[in-house]
Amino acid sequence: MQYISHYQSPLGDILLAADEIGLTGLWFQGQKYFALYLDQEHEEKEVPVLEQTKKWLDVYFSGREPDFTVPFHFIGTDFQNQVWEILAAIPYGQTTTYGEIAKQLAAKRGLKRMSAQAVGGAVGHNEISILVPCHRVVGANGSLTGYAGGIDKKVALLKLEGAYKEEYFVPKHSTAP
């Protein structure tokens, strides 16, 4: 059974979802792939992991790095889950590229190389925004693409963390999946 709750962030309404294992979803209202893997039958209820997530978000949106973690329950393919685990390890206030994630994943899988575009597809389908920080992934040339919550939110999150760089830009034609 999945449980849901709502959180009002400075960037808009957020829907949270969790099950007995951990947080399964965090979506900005109306974002691309909104609640894609949310069970049809779910219950609105304040369970401990959702309360913990709200406390984490309160600390985060106050401009500080939270000093505690929330348990996750990734619901995706093995490939997606591996990408999301790498995302979860990107340090607060830092960024990486799709290509760097592809290199890490290729090494982990014993492969010579991995497609950065395939990684981008998995990053774009991340169900747990902010806590699994897909906003910290940028193009190798500094392009800001692929954030399901919207590029404006990606920029705001990077600025909140002090990770935004002047060379970052929004491309005229999105390459997002």
C-alpha atoms as a PDB file:
ATOM      1  CA  MET A   1       0.000   0.000   0.000  1.00  0.00           C
ATOM      2  CA  GLN A   2       1.226   3.460  -0.868  1.00  0.00           C
ATOM      3  CA  TYR A   3       0.455   6.526   1.224  1.00  0.00           C
ATOM      4  CA  ILE A   4       0.428  10.109   0.019  1.00  0.00           C
ATOM      5  CA  SER A   5       0.758  13.544   1.551  1.00  0.00           C
ATOM      6  CA  HIS A   6       1.146  17.084   0.269  1.00  0.00           C
ATOM      7  CA  TYR A   7       3.899  19.611   0.922  1.00  0.00           C
ATOM      8  CA  GLN A   8       3.827  23.314   0.090  1.00  0.00           C
ATOM      9  CA  SER A   9       7.315  24.303  -1.083  1.00  0.00           C
ATOM     10  CA  PRO A  10       8.593  27.738  -2.118  1.00  0.00           C
ATOM     11  CA  LEU A  11       8.562  26.362  -5.689  1.00  0.00           C
ATOM     12  CA  GLY A  12       4.989  25.065  -5.609  1.00  0.00           C
ATOM     13  CA  ASP A  13       2.856  22.190  -4.425  1.00  0.00           C
ATOM     14  CA  ILE A  14       4.565  18.811  -4.023  1.00  0.00           C
ATOM     15  CA  LEU A  15       2.950  15.387  -3.828  1.00  0.00           C
ATOM     16  CA  LEU A  16       4.795  12.840  -1.673  1.00  0.00           C
ATOM     17  CA  ALA A  17       4.293   9.071  -1.796  1.00  0.00           C
ATOM     18  CA  ALA A  18       5.695   6.258   0.334  1.00  0.00           C
ATOM     19  CA  ASP A  19       5.168   2.631   1.183  1.00  0.00           C
ATOM     20  CA  GLU A  20       6.309   0.448   4.075  1.00  0.00           C
ATOM     21  CA  ILE A  21       9.889   0.428   2.697  1.00  0.00           C
ATOM     22  CA  GLY A  22      10.473   4.114   2.038  1.00  0.00           C
ATOM     23  CA  LEU A  23       9.755   7.193  -0.062  1.00  0.00           C
ATOM     24  CA  THR A  24       8.520   6.179  -3.529  1.00  0.00           C
ATOM     25  CA  GLY A  25       7.738   9.538  -5.066  1.00  0.00           C
ATOM     26  CA  LEU A  26       8.127  13.302  -4.845  1.00  0.00           C
ATOM     27  CA  TRP A  27       6.567  15.272  -7.682  1.00  0.00           C
ATOM     28  CA  PHE A  28       5.925  18.930  -8.329  1.00  0.00           C
ATOM     29  CA  GLN A  29       2.251  19.395  -9.158  1.00  0.00           C
ATOM     30  CA  GLY A  30       1.737  19.053 -12.918  1.00  0.00           C
ATOM     31  CA  GLN A  31       5.303  17.995 -13.753  1.00  0.00           C
ATOM     32  CA  LYS A  32       6.131  15.612 -16.578  1.00  0.00           C
ATOM     33  CA  TYR A  33       5.546  11.964 -15.525  1.00  0.00           C
ATOM     34  CA  PHE A  34       3.522  13.183 -12.522  1.00  0.00           C
ATOM     35  CA  ALA A  35       2.797  10.250 -10.158  1.00  0.00           C
ATOM     36  CA  LEU A  36       3.613   7.783 -12.948  1.00  0.00           C
ATOM     37  CA  TYR A  37       4.190   4.816 -10.638  1.00  0.00           C
ATOM     38  CA  LEU A  38       1.753   5.781  -7.890  1.00  0.00           C
ATOM     39  CA  ASP A  39      -0.551   2.867  -7.101  1.00  0.00           C
ATOM     40  CA  GLN A  40      -4.130   3.421  -8.256  1.00  0.00           C
ATOM     41  CA  GLU A  41      -5.229   2.477  -4.757  1.00  0.00           C
ATOM     42  CA  HIS A  42      -3.429   4.649  -2.226  1.00  0.00           C
ATOM     43  CA  GLU A  43      -4.347   6.368   0.993  1.00  0.00           C
ATOM     44  CA  GLU A  44      -3.764   9.930   2.167  1.00  0.00           C
ATOM     45  CA  LYS A  45      -2.116   9.381   5.532  1.00  0.00           C
ATOM     46  CA  GLU A  46       0.788  10.862   7.496  1.00  0.00           C
ATOM     47  CA  VAL A  47       3.159   7.929   7.941  1.00  0.00           C
ATOM     48  CA  PRO A  48       6.614   8.337   9.557  1.00  0.00           C
ATOM     49  CA  VAL A  49       8.602   8.401   6.287  1.00  0.00           C
ATOM     50  CA  LEU A  50       6.375  11.181   4.916  1.00  0.00           C
ATOM     51  CA  GLU A  51       6.746  13.196   8.126  1.00  0.00           C
ATOM     52  CA  GLN A  52      10.528  12.673   7.951  1.00  0.00           C
ATOM     53  CA  THR A  53      10.539  13.788   4.295  1.00  0.00           C
ATOM     54  CA  LYS A  54       8.688  16.992   5.187  1.00  0.00           C
ATOM     55  CA  LYS A  55      11.256  17.763   7.893  1.00  0.00           C
ATOM     56  CA  TRP A  56      14.048  17.104   5.351  1.00  0.00           C
ATOM     57  CA  LEU A  57      12.363  19.479   2.877  1.00  0.00           C
ATOM     58  CA  ASP A  58      11.935  22.162   5.558  1.00  0.00           C
ATOM     59  CA  VAL A  59      15.694  22.074   6.244  1.00  0.00           C
ATOM     60  CA  TYR A  60      16.538  21.966   2.520  1.00  0.00           C
ATOM     61  CA  PHE A  61      14.315  24.899   1.541  1.00  0.00           C
ATOM     62  CA  SER A  62      15.731  26.938   4.436  1.00  0.00           C
ATOM     63  CA  GLY A  63      19.005  26.905   2.438  1.00  0.00           C
ATOM     64  CA  ARG A  64      20.825  24.319   4.529  1.00  0.00           C
ATOM     65  CA  GLU A  65      22.005  20.829   3.692  1.00  0.00           C
ATOM     66  CA  PRO A  66      19.933  18.285   5.661  1.00  0.00           C
ATOM     67  CA  ASP A  67      22.094  16.204   8.009  1.00  0.00           C
ATOM     68  CA  PHE A  68      19.856  13.135   7.892  1.00  0.00           C
ATOM     69  CA  THR A  69      18.531  10.854   5.184  1.00  0.00           C
ATOM     70  CA  VAL A  70      15.148   9.458   4.258  1.00  0.00           C
ATOM     71  CA  PRO A  71      14.757   5.811   3.213  1.00  0.00           C
ATOM     72  CA  PHE A  72      13.958   5.357  -0.489  1.00  0.00           C
ATOM     73  CA  HIS A  73      12.101   2.630  -2.331  1.00  0.00           C
ATOM     74  CA  PHE A  74      12.927   2.917  -6.016  1.00  0.00           C
ATOM     75  CA  ILE A  75      10.248   1.497  -8.310  1.00  0.00           C
ATOM     76  CA  GLY A  76      11.825   1.101 -11.728  1.00  0.00           C
ATOM     77  CA  THR A  77      13.892  -1.184 -13.903  1.00  0.00           C
ATOM     78  CA  ASP A  78      17.276  -2.455 -12.712  1.00  0.00           C
ATOM     79  CA  PHE A  79      18.929   0.082 -15.029  1.00  0.00           C
ATOM     80  CA  GLN A  80      16.829   2.977 -13.691  1.00  0.00           C
ATOM     81  CA  ASN A  81      17.433   1.910 -10.089  1.00  0.00           C
ATOM     82  CA  GLN A  82      21.215   1.870 -10.676  1.00  0.00           C
ATOM     83  CA  VAL A  83      21.097   5.352 -12.214  1.00  0.00           C
ATOM     84  CA  TRP A  84      18.942   6.649  -9.346  1.00  0.00           C
ATOM     85  CA  GLU A  85      21.385   5.216  -6.785  1.00  0.00           C
ATOM     86  CA  ILE A  86      24.174   7.187  -8.493  1.00  0.00           C
ATOM     87  CA  LEU A  87      21.982  10.312  -8.465  1.00  0.00           C
ATOM     88  CA  ALA A  88      21.334   9.901  -4.746  1.00  0.00           C
ATOM     89  CA  ALA A  89      25.101  10.017  -4.132  1.00  0.00           C
ATOM     90  CA  ILE A  90      25.699  13.386  -5.874  1.00  0.00           C
ATOM     91  CA  PRO A  91      26.801  15.705  -3.051  1.00  0.00           C
ATOM     92  CA  TYR A  92      24.766  18.755  -2.053  1.00  0.00           C
ATOM     93  CA  GLY A  93      25.939  21.862  -3.875  1.00  0.00           C
ATOM     94  CA  GLN A  94      27.729  19.937  -6.654  1.00  0.00           C
ATOM     95  CA  THR A  95      26.803  18.912 -10.168  1.00  0.00           C
ATOM     96  CA  THR A  96      27.772  16.152 -12.549  1.00  0.00           C
ATOM     97  CA  THR A  97      27.059  15.330 -16.181  1.00  0.00           C
ATOM     98  CA  TYR A  98      25.067  12.618 -17.900  1.00  0.00           C
ATOM     99  CA  GLY A  99      28.347  11.408 -19.402  1.00  0.00           C
ATOM    100  CA  GLU A 100      29.998  11.073 -15.987  1.00  0.00           C
ATOM    101  CA  ILE A 101      27.075   9.030 -14.714  1.00  0.00           C
ATOM    102  CA  ALA A 102      27.305   6.858 -17.838  1.00  0.00           C
ATOM    103  CA  LYS A 103      31.017   6.261 -17.114  1.00  0.00           C
ATOM    104  CA  GLN A 104      30.284   5.305 -13.499  1.00  0.00           C
ATOM    105  CA  LEU A 105      27.519   2.937 -14.565  1.00  0.00           C
ATOM    106  CA  ALA A 106      29.655   1.357 -17.306  1.00  0.00           C
ATOM    107  CA  ALA A 107      32.446   0.718 -14.785  1.00  0.00           C
ATOM    108  CA  LYS A 108      29.972  -0.755 -12.308  1.00  0.00           C
ATOM    109  CA  ARG A 109      28.599  -3.077 -15.003  1.00  0.00           C
ATOM    110  CA  GLY A 110      32.012  -4.003 -16.414  1.00  0.00           C
ATOM    111  CA  LEU A 111      31.337  -2.343 -19.762  1.00  0.00           C
ATOM    112  CA  LYS A 112      33.642  -0.183 -21.897  1.00  0.00           C
ATOM    113  CA  ARG A 113      31.001   2.495 -22.306  1.00  0.00           C
ATOM    114  CA  MET A 114      27.399   3.373 -21.675  1.00  0.00           C
ATOM    115  CA  SER A 115      25.055   5.717 -23.512  1.00  0.00           C
ATOM    116  CA  ALA A 116      24.695   9.135 -21.888  1.00  0.00           C
ATOM    117  CA  GLN A 117      21.310   9.371 -23.656  1.00  0.00           C
ATOM    118  CA  ALA A 118      20.124   6.160 -21.962  1.00  0.00           C
ATOM    119  CA  VAL A 119      21.260   7.604 -18.642  1.00  0.00           C
ATOM    120  CA  GLY A 120      19.363  10.801 -19.479  1.00  0.00           C
ATOM    121  CA  GLY A 121      16.194   8.799 -20.014  1.00  0.00           C
ATOM    122  CA  ALA A 122      16.532   7.188 -16.590  1.00  0.00           C
ATOM    123  CA  VAL A 123      17.398  10.518 -14.951  1.00  0.00           C
ATOM    124  CA  GLY A 124      14.302  12.079 -16.551  1.00  0.00           C
ATOM    125  CA  HIS A 125      12.079   9.371 -15.085  1.00  0.00           C
ATOM    126  CA  ASN A 126      13.401   9.777 -11.526  1.00  0.00           C
ATOM    127  CA  GLU A 127      10.332   9.526  -9.301  1.00  0.00           C
ATOM    128  CA  ILE A 128      11.897  11.119  -6.210  1.00  0.00           C
ATOM    129  CA  SER A 129      12.792  14.680  -7.172  1.00  0.00           C
ATOM    130  CA  ILE A 130      15.010  16.858  -4.953  1.00  0.00           C
ATOM    131  CA  LEU A 131      16.023  14.094  -2.485  1.00  0.00           C
ATOM    132  CA  VAL A 132      17.338  12.026  -5.408  1.00  0.00           C
ATOM    133  CA  PRO A 133      18.884  15.122  -6.974  1.00  0.00           C
ATOM    134  CA  CYS A 134      18.409  14.827 -10.722  1.00  0.00           C
ATOM    135  CA  HIS A 135      18.512  18.653 -10.771  1.00  0.00           C
ATOM    136  CA  ARG A 136      22.286  18.316 -10.150  1.00  0.00           C
ATOM    137  CA  VAL A 137      22.835  16.683 -13.554  1.00  0.00           C
ATOM    138  CA  VAL A 138      23.789  18.981 -16.437  1.00  0.00           C
ATOM    139  CA  GLY A 139      24.942  18.547 -20.014  1.00  0.00           C
ATOM    140  CA  ALA A 140      28.690  18.286 -20.678  1.00  0.00           C
ATOM    141  CA  ASN A 141      28.559  21.730 -22.305  1.00  0.00           C
ATOM    142  CA  GLY A 142      26.698  23.298 -19.359  1.00  0.00           C
ATOM    143  CA  SER A 143      23.216  22.939 -20.831  1.00  0.00           C
ATOM    144  CA  LEU A 144      20.344  22.676 -18.375  1.00  0.00           C
ATOM    145  CA  THR A 145      17.963  20.108 -19.799  1.00  0.00           C
ATOM    146  CA  GLY A 146      15.919  17.169 -18.711  1.00  0.00           C
ATOM    147  CA  TYR A 147      14.245  18.303 -15.498  1.00  0.00           C
ATOM    148  CA  ALA A 148      10.684  16.965 -15.382  1.00  0.00           C
ATOM    149  CA  GLY A 149       9.678  19.626 -12.847  1.00  0.00           C
ATOM    150  CA  GLY A 150      10.652  22.397 -15.261  1.00  0.00           C
ATOM    151  CA  ILE A 151      13.910  24.189 -16.032  1.00  0.00           C
ATOM    152  CA  ASP A 152      12.907  27.137 -13.825  1.00  0.00           C
ATOM    153  CA  LYS A 153      12.756  24.814 -10.814  1.00  0.00           C
ATOM    154  CA  LYS A 154      16.084  23.187 -11.742  1.00  0.00           C
ATOM    155  CA  VAL A 155      17.747  26.613 -11.840  1.00  0.00           C
ATOM    156  CA  ALA A 156      16.119  27.607  -8.517  1.00  0.00           C
ATOM    157  CA  LEU A 157      17.285  24.393  -6.808  1.00  0.00           C
ATOM    158  CA  LEU A 158      20.845  24.782  -8.099  1.00  0.00           C
ATOM    159  CA  LYS A 159      20.895  28.412  -6.914  1.00  0.00           C
ATOM    160  CA  LEU A 160      19.510  27.419  -3.503  1.00  0.00           C
ATOM    161  CA  GLU A 161      22.426  24.992  -3.102  1.00  0.00           C
ATOM    162  CA  GLY A 162      25.017  27.439  -4.434  1.00  0.00           C
ATOM    163  CA  ALA A 163      25.699  25.064  -7.349  1.00  0.00           C
ATOM    164  CA  TYR A 164      24.548  27.316 -10.193  1.00  0.00           C
ATOM    165  CA  LYS A 165      27.361  28.439 -12.493  1.00  0.00           C
ATOM    166  CA  GLU A 166      27.375  31.358 -14.899  1.00  0.00           C
ATOM    167  CA  GLU A 167      28.266  29.074 -17.818  1.00  0.00           C
ATOM    168  CA  TYR A 168      25.027  27.094 -17.452  1.00  0.00           C
ATOM    169  CA  PHE A 169      22.401  27.825 -20.075  1.00  0.00           C
ATOM    170  CA  VAL A 170      19.008  26.674 -21.280  1.00  0.00           C
ATOM    171  CA  PRO A 171      19.255  25.387 -24.864  1.00  0.00           C
ATOM    172  CA  LYS A 172      16.819  26.723 -27.443  1.00  0.00           C
ATOM    173  CA  HIS A 173      15.780  23.175 -28.424  1.00  0.00           C
ATOM    174  CA  SER A 174      15.476  20.698 -25.582  1.00  0.00           C
ATOM    175  CA  THR A 175      17.199  17.344 -25.838  1.00  0.00           C
ATOM    176  CA  ALA A 176      15.258  16.021 -22.859  1.00  0.00           C
ATOM    177  CA  PRO A 177      13.626  12.601 -23.190  1.00  0.00           C
END
